[in-house]
Every structure is written in C-alpha cells, then in structure tokens.
Amino acid sequence: MKDILVSILCIAYNQEKYIRDTLNGFLSQIVDFNYEIIIHDDASTDKTLEIIREYEKMKPDIFHVIEEKENQYSKGLLSNAIMNMLTMCQGKYISFCEGDDFWIDQHKLQLQIDWMEKNPDYYLMAHNALMINYTDNSLHTINPYKESQTITPEELIMQYNGNLPTASLVFKADVKNMPSFFLECGVGDIPMQFYCMGKGKIYYCDRVMSVYRYNHQGSWCNLNLSTNINKLIAHYARMMRFCDQYDVYSGRKFSCYLFDLKLKYLFTIISKCNSFPVELLKREIDQLIDCDNINLKEYYSKISDLYLQLNKKDFISEALKEKVQKDRKIYIWGTGQYGMTLAQKFNANGIDYEGFVVSDDFNFETEFQKKKVNKISEISCKENIFIVVAVNVELWKNIRKKIEKLETIDYCYMLCI
C-alpha cells in the first residue's frame, strides 16, 4: 500500500480473550488516508497468534505480523522488538495500542491526525479513555486532565492524575530516531512520551476514544507480588536509571521533576512491599545485585537503603551520614512519622541535631522528640544551616520550593538519591 500516513503498532502476548476487540477497533476507523497495522506477537502460547493470522488473511495489504518463536520480554529483549517495529513504520505518524486495549470511537484516528496536521509544532496527541477494573468490574473514565489542554513537562513527567492512556497515543514517526536507552527500561509508552516532550509540544483531548483493561488475568499489574517481587523491583530500578539517562540527554532541563519521579518510583516499591519482612526484601535485592549485568546495582542499593531506613531500627544510609556529619547545624523538616523515625535514628547513631522545622503556616507543638520545633522563618537568618527533609513524598514538592527561596540554606531529602 502506498502513501501510508499512519502506522498502528500493537504488541500482543496471550491475549486471545481481547485481541479481536483490539483488531476490530483498528479496522472500524473511518478515515480519508491509508494506514498500516504492525503487530508483534511475543511467542503467545494460546490462540492469540492464530486470531491475528485470521485478520491478516482478510486484510493482507494492511497487516504486517511479526511472529516471535521465543518470548522477548522474558529475555529482556522487548526493546529490540519495539525498535524493529518502529523501523518498519512507513507512516508520518505512529499510533500505539497494546493487545488487551481497544478503540471505541470510529473517528479517533481521523480526529487526531487532522489536529496534528494543523499543529505541526506538536509531537504527540493523546486523549481520555475508559478503564475497566477487573478487580471489582468497575468502569470509569481515566481523566488524567480535567479538560483539553497543552501538557507541561512537569505534568507529563509527574503524572499527577495518572499516565496518558497508552491506546490514546499518536506521535510523529520521528520517535524511530530515539537513542537505544529510551527502550531499555522495558516499557515503551513513557519513554516515547519523554522523547516527544523534548522535541515539541504535547496535547491532550478530553474525549473518550479507547478502553484500558486494568488488573485482568495476565496483565503486568496483576502479578502475584509474593512470587514476583524481584520483577517489581527490577522494573522500577530500570525506570530510575532511565530518569538519570534522560536527565543527561535533555541537558538537565527537567532535573527537579525527574528527581521527584524517582522518589515516586521508590515509594511505589515501598508501598507495594510494606508487608514483607526487612530480611526477605534485603535478600531479594541482594540476589538482584548478584545477577545484575545491566548496571542497575546503584538503583537496587537505593531501594534497599530506603526500605531499611524506613523499617530497620538505627539504619541510616551512608549518603545521608555523609551529608549530616559535616560541621553545621542540622535540622529535621517534619514532625510526622518520618520526622520521628529519622530523629530516633539520629539519636541511635550519635548524630546531634538542633531541632525540627515546619512551614510558617503549619500548626504545631513547640516541642517534638524533646527538641524545639521552629518555623522556617525563625532559622532562615542563621548561618551554616543544613535541613534534612523527612516527610511523605507527596509533601516534598511544595517544601522544596519553600526552601529553594532561602538561598542561604542547604538541604537534602532524607533519601539522598
């Protein structure tokens, strides 16, 4: 087929229950341009590939099927498969939809392509979607944003209301020029979004045009944590490494947001593993470190340090010890659980600190852990001050902004990542 404007990419694995919905959604599109469908079957063991071949026979001029004999994801080679798909794309634009999601609006592609053609300074367009939650069979809109809008880099990186639906993404085919590290983290949608963010603008349309299946049997998010804790940890270690690689690649333009995103990944691991004994998690991480051959050791160590710092008596990371053992006055920002925990660890390790700090507008007791609690304005005029922020990650963003206004005060987050 000549003059293809859009290449639709689809990755499928053991999705025989859902793949027909996906393929029918592609073929139902009412458009005034040509498109192709490139499907990668990652060695499915059910009838997924058989169903894909059935559609390929019906539309051989549209479908291009890549059949793997061995599962690439389990071998850590899915990034190579995605790059192969990208190089096959003939279209000016690329649309993405995984084999368990599907499109429900016949005008989806036409609407998005028309908008992209009229706005060439935009590199990516996404839209709203429905989510089917198989945990309780609920159905609701994802609503990552309240209205149609241009998305700022901060909003895209931090995903305050959730990630853009993968099946909603349409981006310029320039993504095939991404450096290889973009896909080494094991997922495709977030790196592609970050690449587009560095090239141009990103637009969100608040129109529901696809469906995302969540927590269904076989989905990544439905992994049994007790038997897949190492996969969870390895995934977020790769994502943290990607943040650091992208930080360098982008010329440090988004450093503060990428730092916060790494914190978010760290606390996601902790929240999902909070029922595991310290010894069990430490053993799992040590095994990952022993087997590591893709330079993730430092990220595994950061995960281990955080878990130990929050769950093991007396533990303080070496990075934090280095920060506080210099000749300066130490304050802990926060009088909640994290502040109390850090104070107890300082006491156990013989680290002297002056007291606690809170925001000027915060209601507080004048004493905590037998130390004085100060408003930030009360100590901002003092010299040689160092603040260790010990609060929940959700509070960190606003506190950092307040401290940054005080140029004379040095600080760190309690994790020192």
Protein backbone atom coordinates (compact mmCIF):
# COMPACT_ATOMS: atom_id res chain seq x y z
CA MET A 1 0.00 0.00 0.00
CA LYS A 2 1.37 3.41 -0.99
CA ASP A 3 1.17 6.80 0.72
CA ILE A 4 0.65 5.46 4.23
CA LEU A 5 0.02 8.29 6.67
CA VAL A 6 -0.35 6.32 9.93
CA SER A 7 1.38 3.20 11.23
CA ILE A 8 -0.52 1.42 14.03
CA LEU A 9 1.72 -0.56 16.38
CA CYS A 10 0.41 -3.39 18.55
CA ILE A 11 2.25 -5.73 20.92
CA ALA A 12 0.37 -8.90 21.86
CA TYR A 13 1.01 -11.82 24.18
CA ASN A 14 -1.53 -14.43 25.34
CA GLN A 15 -4.50 -12.12 24.77
CA GLU A 16 -6.87 -14.39 22.89
CA LYS A 17 -9.78 -13.10 25.01
CA TYR A 18 -9.17 -9.50 23.99
CA ILE A 19 -7.29 -9.31 20.70
CA ARG A 20 -10.41 -9.34 18.49
CA ASP A 21 -11.65 -6.17 20.21
CA THR A 22 -8.28 -4.57 19.53
CA LEU A 23 -8.15 -5.51 15.85
CA ASN A 24 -11.80 -4.63 15.23
CA GLY A 25 -11.12 -1.22 16.75
CA PHE A 26 -8.35 -0.67 14.20
CA LEU A 27 -10.44 -1.76 11.24
CA SER A 28 -13.50 0.25 12.30
CA GLN A 29 -11.72 3.58 11.79
CA ILE A 30 -13.37 5.94 9.31
CA VAL A 31 -10.51 7.85 7.70
CA ASP A 32 -9.58 9.59 4.45
CA PHE A 33 -5.99 8.28 4.47
CA ASN A 34 -4.16 4.97 4.28
CA TYR A 35 -2.84 3.21 7.35
CA GLU A 36 -0.95 0.01 8.16
CA ILE A 37 -1.09 -2.30 11.19
CA ILE A 38 2.15 -3.77 12.52
CA ILE A 39 1.57 -6.48 15.13
CA HIS A 40 4.25 -8.15 17.21
CA ASP A 41 3.22 -11.44 18.80
CA ASP A 42 5.67 -12.21 21.57
CA ALA A 43 5.50 -16.03 21.29
CA SER A 44 1.96 -16.42 22.62
CA THR A 45 1.10 -19.87 23.93
CA ASP A 46 -2.67 -19.51 23.45
CA LYS A 47 -4.65 -18.70 20.28
CA THR A 48 -3.61 -15.04 20.03
CA LEU A 49 -1.37 -15.53 17.00
CA GLU A 50 -3.98 -17.75 15.31
CA ILE A 51 -6.54 -14.94 15.60
CA ILE A 52 -4.05 -12.35 14.31
CA ARG A 53 -3.30 -14.53 11.28
CA GLU A 54 -7.02 -14.78 10.61
CA TYR A 55 -7.26 -10.99 10.33
CA GLU A 56 -4.07 -10.87 8.28
CA LYS A 57 -5.68 -13.15 5.68
CA MET A 58 -8.68 -10.81 5.48
CA LYS A 59 -6.57 -7.68 5.04
CA PRO A 60 -3.11 -8.75 3.80
CA ASP A 61 -2.40 -5.30 2.37
CA ILE A 62 -2.81 -3.67 5.81
CA PHE A 63 -1.47 -6.20 8.32
CA HIS A 64 2.23 -6.89 8.91
CA VAL A 65 2.75 -9.61 11.52
CA ILE A 66 5.96 -10.25 13.43
CA GLU A 67 5.98 -13.72 14.97
CA GLU A 68 8.47 -14.47 17.73
CA LYS A 69 9.49 -18.06 18.42
CA GLU A 70 10.75 -17.17 21.92
CA ASN A 71 9.28 -14.65 24.33
CA GLN A 72 11.35 -11.48 24.05
CA TYR A 73 10.00 -9.81 27.19
CA SER A 74 11.18 -12.63 29.48
CA LYS A 75 14.65 -12.41 27.90
CA GLY A 76 14.82 -8.65 28.43
CA LEU A 77 14.81 -8.04 24.68
CA LEU A 78 11.42 -6.42 24.16
CA SER A 79 13.13 -3.07 23.49
CA ASN A 80 14.81 -4.62 20.45
CA ALA A 81 11.44 -5.84 19.21
CA ILE A 82 9.88 -2.39 19.60
CA MET A 83 12.77 -0.74 17.76
CA ASN A 84 12.31 -3.29 14.98
CA MET A 85 8.63 -2.37 14.74
CA LEU A 86 9.48 1.32 14.61
CA THR A 87 11.93 0.83 11.74
CA MET A 88 9.17 -0.95 9.79
CA CYS A 89 6.81 2.02 10.07
CA GLN A 90 6.07 3.75 6.77
CA GLY A 91 3.71 6.37 8.15
CA LYS A 92 4.30 10.01 9.01
CA TYR A 93 2.58 9.31 12.32
CA ILE A 94 2.54 6.34 14.67
CA SER A 95 -0.37 5.20 16.81
CA PHE A 96 0.03 2.73 19.66
CA CYS A 97 -2.35 0.20 21.19
CA GLU A 98 -1.50 -2.93 23.17
CA GLY A 99 -3.28 -6.21 22.50
CA ASP A 100 -5.58 -6.05 25.53
CA ASP A 101 -6.81 -2.46 24.99
CA PHE A 102 -9.12 -1.27 22.23
CA TRP A 103 -10.55 1.78 20.45
CA ILE A 104 -14.25 2.63 20.71
CA ASP A 105 -14.52 5.75 18.55
CA GLN A 106 -14.59 5.27 14.77
CA HIS A 107 -13.30 8.82 14.27
CA LYS A 108 -10.36 8.56 16.68
CA LEU A 109 -7.54 8.43 14.15
CA GLN A 110 -9.07 10.99 11.79
CA LEU A 111 -9.62 13.47 14.61
CA GLN A 112 -6.09 13.08 15.95
CA ILE A 113 -4.35 13.20 12.59
CA ASP A 114 -6.33 16.26 11.49
CA TRP A 115 -5.29 18.02 14.68
CA MET A 116 -1.63 17.04 14.31
CA GLU A 117 -1.55 18.18 10.69
CA LYS A 118 -2.94 21.60 11.66
CA ASN A 119 -0.50 21.95 14.58
CA PRO A 120 2.97 20.89 13.35
CA ASP A 121 4.74 22.17 16.49
CA TYR A 122 3.07 19.34 18.47
CA TYR A 123 4.82 15.97 18.58
CA LEU A 124 2.25 13.96 20.50
CA MET A 125 -1.50 13.91 20.95
CA ALA A 126 -3.39 11.80 23.49
CA HIS A 127 -6.98 11.57 24.70
CA ASN A 128 -9.17 10.38 27.54
CA ALA A 129 -10.18 6.73 27.93
CA LEU A 130 -12.37 4.36 29.87
CA MET A 131 -10.82 1.94 32.32
CA ILE A 132 -12.27 -1.48 33.09
CA ASN A 133 -11.01 -2.53 36.51
CA TYR A 134 -11.15 -6.31 36.70
CA THR A 135 -10.63 -6.22 40.46
CA ASP A 136 -14.21 -5.08 41.04
CA ASN A 137 -15.55 -4.95 37.43
CA SER A 138 -15.96 -1.18 37.70
CA LEU A 139 -15.91 1.11 34.67
CA HIS A 140 -14.88 4.76 34.79
CA THR A 141 -13.05 7.42 32.82
CA ILE A 142 -9.34 7.83 33.46
CA ASN A 143 -9.38 11.66 33.32
CA PRO A 144 -5.63 12.41 33.53
CA TYR A 145 -6.60 16.07 32.96
CA LYS A 146 -9.81 17.99 33.59
CA GLU A 147 -10.08 19.47 30.11
CA SER A 148 -8.42 19.55 26.69
CA GLN A 149 -5.07 21.29 27.03
CA THR A 150 -1.40 21.50 26.20
CA ILE A 151 0.52 19.41 28.74
CA THR A 152 3.51 20.93 30.52
CA PRO A 153 6.72 18.91 31.04
CA GLU A 154 6.05 18.84 34.79
CA GLU A 155 2.57 17.41 34.26
CA LEU A 156 3.82 14.79 31.80
CA ILE A 157 6.72 13.66 33.98
CA MET A 158 4.92 13.60 37.32
CA GLN A 159 1.58 12.18 36.07
CA TYR A 160 -0.25 13.73 39.00
CA ASN A 161 -3.56 12.22 37.87
CA GLY A 162 -2.16 9.15 36.16
CA ASN A 163 -0.38 8.32 32.92
CA LEU A 164 -1.75 9.16 29.50
CA PRO A 165 -3.67 6.10 28.22
CA THR A 166 -1.31 4.08 26.04
CA ALA A 167 -4.01 3.32 23.46
CA SER A 168 -4.60 7.06 23.03
CA LEU A 169 -1.11 7.98 21.84
CA VAL A 170 -0.43 9.33 18.36
CA PHE A 171 3.04 10.76 17.76
CA LYS A 172 5.31 11.79 14.93
CA ALA A 173 7.29 8.97 13.38
CA ASP A 174 10.46 10.80 14.40
CA VAL A 175 10.35 8.61 17.54
CA LYS A 176 12.10 5.93 15.48
CA ASN A 177 15.23 8.09 15.93
CA MET A 178 15.21 7.66 19.71
CA PRO A 179 18.57 6.62 21.21
CA SER A 180 18.53 2.97 22.26
CA PHE A 181 18.45 3.71 26.01
CA PHE A 182 14.87 5.01 25.70
CA LEU A 183 13.51 1.48 25.45
CA GLU A 184 15.97 -0.34 27.68
CA CYS A 185 13.70 0.29 30.68
CA GLY A 186 11.34 -2.42 29.43
CA VAL A 187 8.31 -0.26 28.61
CA GLY A 188 7.52 1.78 25.52
CA ASP A 189 4.86 4.37 26.25
CA ILE A 190 6.59 6.57 28.86
CA PRO A 191 9.97 6.81 27.04
CA MET A 192 8.17 7.73 23.81
CA GLN A 193 6.26 10.46 25.64
CA PHE A 194 9.51 11.80 27.12
CA TYR A 195 11.15 11.81 23.70
CA CYS A 196 8.28 13.80 22.23
CA MET A 197 8.37 16.20 25.19
CA GLY A 198 11.96 17.07 24.31
CA LYS A 199 11.08 17.67 20.65
CA GLY A 200 7.87 19.69 20.78
CA LYS A 201 4.52 20.22 22.44
CA ILE A 202 2.06 17.60 23.70
CA TYR A 203 -1.71 17.92 23.54
CA TYR A 204 -4.45 16.17 25.48
CA CYS A 205 -8.01 15.88 24.12
CA ASP A 206 -10.68 15.27 26.75
CA ARG A 207 -12.70 12.93 24.57
CA VAL A 208 -13.09 9.24 25.45
CA MET A 209 -11.99 7.17 22.47
CA SER A 210 -10.39 3.99 23.85
CA VAL A 211 -10.63 1.43 26.67
CA TYR A 212 -7.87 0.35 29.03
CA ARG A 213 -8.17 -3.04 30.72
CA TYR A 214 -6.70 -2.99 34.21
CA ASN A 215 -5.75 -5.84 36.54
CA HIS A 216 -7.15 -8.58 34.34
CA GLN A 217 -5.67 -12.06 34.31
CA GLY A 218 -2.27 -11.99 32.65
CA SER A 219 -1.73 -8.23 32.91
CA TRP A 220 1.56 -6.92 34.32
CA CYS A 221 -0.23 -5.01 37.09
CA ASN A 222 -1.88 -8.26 38.22
CA LEU A 223 1.38 -10.04 39.01
CA ASN A 224 1.34 -12.01 42.24
CA LEU A 225 3.63 -9.85 44.36
CA SER A 226 4.72 -12.69 46.63
CA THR A 227 6.24 -14.54 43.67
CA ASN A 228 7.22 -11.57 41.50
CA ILE A 229 8.71 -9.09 43.95
CA ASN A 230 12.02 -9.23 42.08
CA LYS A 231 10.28 -8.27 38.81
CA LEU A 232 8.65 -5.31 40.51
CA ILE A 233 11.93 -4.09 41.97
CA ALA A 234 13.83 -4.62 38.70
CA HIS A 235 11.17 -2.71 36.76
CA TYR A 236 11.40 0.39 38.93
CA ALA A 237 15.20 0.18 39.06
CA ARG A 238 15.21 0.33 35.26
CA MET A 239 12.80 3.27 35.33
CA MET A 240 15.04 5.17 37.77
CA ARG A 241 18.04 4.53 35.56
CA PHE A 242 16.05 5.82 32.58
CA CYS A 243 15.30 9.04 34.50
CA ASP A 244 19.03 9.61 35.05
CA GLN A 245 19.86 8.83 31.43
CA TYR A 246 17.12 11.12 30.16
CA ASP A 247 18.29 13.86 32.53
CA VAL A 248 21.69 13.86 30.84
CA TYR A 249 20.16 13.52 27.35
CA SER A 250 17.84 16.51 27.90
CA GLY A 251 20.59 18.79 29.17
CA ARG A 252 19.25 18.77 32.77
CA LYS A 253 16.20 20.84 31.74
CA PHE A 254 13.83 18.71 33.81
CA SER A 255 16.12 17.64 36.67
CA CYS A 256 13.90 18.58 39.61
CA TYR A 257 10.89 16.76 38.15
CA LEU A 258 12.95 13.68 37.31
CA PHE A 259 14.27 13.63 40.88
CA ASP A 260 10.70 13.70 42.17
CA LEU A 261 9.71 10.94 39.75
CA LYS A 262 12.50 8.73 41.09
CA LEU A 263 11.19 9.36 44.59
CA LYS A 264 7.74 8.38 43.38
CA TYR A 265 9.10 5.11 41.98
CA LEU A 266 10.93 4.38 45.24
CA PHE A 267 7.87 4.95 47.37
CA THR A 268 5.75 2.87 44.99
CA ILE A 269 8.04 -0.08 45.68
CA ILE A 270 7.88 0.51 49.43
CA SER A 271 4.09 0.77 49.42
CA LYS A 272 3.77 -2.49 47.50
CA CYS A 273 6.32 -4.29 49.66
CA ASN A 274 5.33 -2.96 53.08
CA SER A 275 4.12 -6.39 54.21
CA PHE A 276 7.49 -8.03 53.57
CA PRO A 277 9.98 -8.54 56.41
CA VAL A 278 13.17 -6.50 56.06
CA GLU A 279 15.25 -9.67 55.77
CA LEU A 280 13.15 -11.00 52.89
CA LEU A 281 13.31 -7.81 50.85
CA LYS A 282 17.03 -7.42 51.54
CA ARG A 283 17.64 -10.99 50.37
CA GLU A 284 15.66 -10.41 47.15
CA ILE A 285 17.59 -7.23 46.39
CA ASP A 286 20.95 -8.86 47.16
CA GLN A 287 20.09 -11.61 44.68
CA LEU A 288 19.22 -9.00 42.04
CA ILE A 289 22.53 -7.24 42.68
CA ASP A 290 24.45 -10.53 42.34
CA CYS A 291 22.77 -11.27 39.00
CA ASP A 292 22.89 -7.71 37.67
CA ASN A 293 24.53 -7.29 34.29
CA ILE A 294 22.86 -4.10 33.06
CA ASN A 295 24.31 -1.53 35.50
CA LEU A 296 21.39 -1.36 37.94
CA LYS A 297 23.39 -2.02 41.11
CA GLU A 298 23.26 1.57 42.35
CA TYR A 299 19.47 1.65 41.96
CA TYR A 300 18.99 -1.63 43.78
CA SER A 301 21.13 -0.17 46.58
CA LYS A 302 18.93 2.94 46.77
CA ILE A 303 15.82 0.79 47.02
CA SER A 304 17.42 -1.27 49.76
CA ASP A 305 18.57 1.85 51.64
CA LEU A 306 15.08 3.34 51.61
CA TYR A 307 13.45 0.14 52.84
CA LEU A 308 16.00 -0.25 55.60
CA GLN A 309 15.77 3.41 56.57
CA LEU A 310 12.02 3.23 56.98
CA ASN A 311 11.82 -0.25 58.51
CA LYS A 312 15.06 -1.09 60.35
CA LYS A 313 15.99 0.42 63.68
CA ASP A 314 19.17 2.52 63.72
CA PHE A 315 19.77 2.33 59.92
CA ILE A 316 20.89 5.49 58.10
CA SER A 317 22.24 5.40 54.57
CA GLU A 318 25.89 6.25 54.01
CA ALA A 319 24.84 9.08 51.70
CA LEU A 320 22.81 10.72 54.44
CA LYS A 321 25.54 10.20 57.03
CA GLU A 322 27.98 12.00 54.75
CA LYS A 323 25.57 14.92 54.45
CA VAL A 324 24.99 15.40 58.19
CA GLN A 325 28.45 14.69 59.58
CA LYS A 326 29.85 17.98 58.34
CA ASP A 327 30.39 20.91 60.71
CA ARG A 328 26.99 22.60 60.51
CA LYS A 329 23.71 22.88 62.40
CA ILE A 330 21.29 20.10 61.46
CA TYR A 331 17.50 20.47 61.47
CA ILE A 332 14.84 17.92 60.54
CA TRP A 333 11.93 19.25 58.50
CA GLY A 334 8.80 17.41 59.54
CA THR A 335 7.11 16.33 62.78
CA GLY A 336 5.21 13.38 61.41
CA GLN A 337 6.08 9.69 61.29
CA TYR A 338 9.10 10.17 59.02
CA GLY A 339 10.44 13.03 61.13
CA MET A 340 10.10 11.00 64.30
CA THR A 341 11.73 7.95 62.70
CA LEU A 342 14.68 9.97 61.43
CA ALA A 343 15.15 11.67 64.82
CA GLN A 344 15.32 8.29 66.53
CA LYS A 345 17.91 7.10 64.03
CA PHE A 346 20.00 10.24 64.55
CA ASN A 347 19.91 9.62 68.30
CA ALA A 348 20.86 5.96 67.88
CA ASN A 349 23.80 6.89 65.65
CA GLY A 350 25.05 9.72 67.86
CA ILE A 351 24.21 12.41 65.29
CA ASP A 352 23.46 15.68 67.02
CA TYR A 353 20.74 17.91 65.58
CA GLU A 354 19.37 21.27 66.67
CA GLY A 355 15.66 20.54 66.36
CA PHE A 356 12.77 20.48 63.90
CA VAL A 357 11.47 22.82 61.22
CA VAL A 358 7.96 23.31 59.82
CA SER A 359 6.29 25.78 57.46
CA ASP A 360 5.27 29.13 58.88
CA ASP A 361 1.61 28.36 58.23
CA PHE A 362 1.75 24.94 59.92
CA ASN A 363 0.02 24.39 63.27
CA PHE A 364 2.46 22.62 65.59
CA GLU A 365 3.56 21.97 69.13
CA THR A 366 6.62 23.89 70.30
CA GLU A 367 8.45 20.70 71.22
CA PHE A 368 8.82 17.31 69.49
CA GLN A 369 11.04 14.40 70.50
CA LYS A 370 12.35 16.65 73.30
CA LYS A 371 13.64 19.14 70.72
CA LYS A 372 12.38 22.60 69.81
CA VAL A 373 10.13 22.97 66.76
CA ASN A 374 10.92 26.10 64.71
CA LYS A 375 9.15 27.94 61.96
CA ILE A 376 11.32 28.16 58.86
CA SER A 377 11.38 31.96 59.17
CA GLU A 378 12.94 31.62 62.64
CA ILE A 379 16.05 29.85 61.40
CA SER A 380 16.39 31.24 57.87
CA CYS A 381 18.57 34.06 59.14
CA LYS A 382 21.03 31.73 60.88
CA GLU A 383 24.34 30.68 59.36
CA ASN A 384 25.68 27.23 58.44
CA ILE A 385 22.25 25.56 58.45
CA PHE A 386 21.51 22.18 56.89
CA ILE A 387 17.96 20.79 56.70
CA VAL A 388 17.07 17.14 56.20
CA VAL A 389 13.51 16.94 54.86
CA ALA A 390 11.73 13.93 56.38
CA VAL A 391 8.17 13.93 55.03
CA ASN A 392 5.97 11.82 52.79
CA VAL A 393 6.95 12.18 49.13
CA GLU A 394 3.63 13.89 48.32
CA LEU A 395 4.63 16.83 50.55
CA TRP A 396 8.16 17.09 49.21
CA LYS A 397 7.40 19.21 46.14
CA ASN A 398 5.96 22.21 47.99
CA ILE A 399 8.52 22.03 50.78
CA ARG A 400 11.38 22.03 48.28
CA LYS A 401 10.03 25.20 46.68
CA LYS A 402 9.88 26.92 50.07
CA ILE A 403 13.46 26.00 50.93
CA GLU A 404 14.77 26.98 47.49
CA LYS A 405 13.62 30.54 48.13
CA LEU A 406 16.07 30.64 51.06
CA GLU A 407 19.33 30.70 49.13
CA THR A 408 21.48 30.63 52.27
CA ILE A 409 20.19 27.22 53.48
CA ASP A 410 21.50 23.90 52.20
CA TYR A 411 19.18 20.87 52.31
CA CYS A 412 18.53 17.33 51.15
CA TYR A 413 15.64 14.92 51.08
CA MET A 414 16.10 12.18 53.68
CA LEU A 415 16.88 9.57 51.00
CA CYS A 416 19.73 11.49 49.34
CA ILE A 417 19.07 9.86 45.98
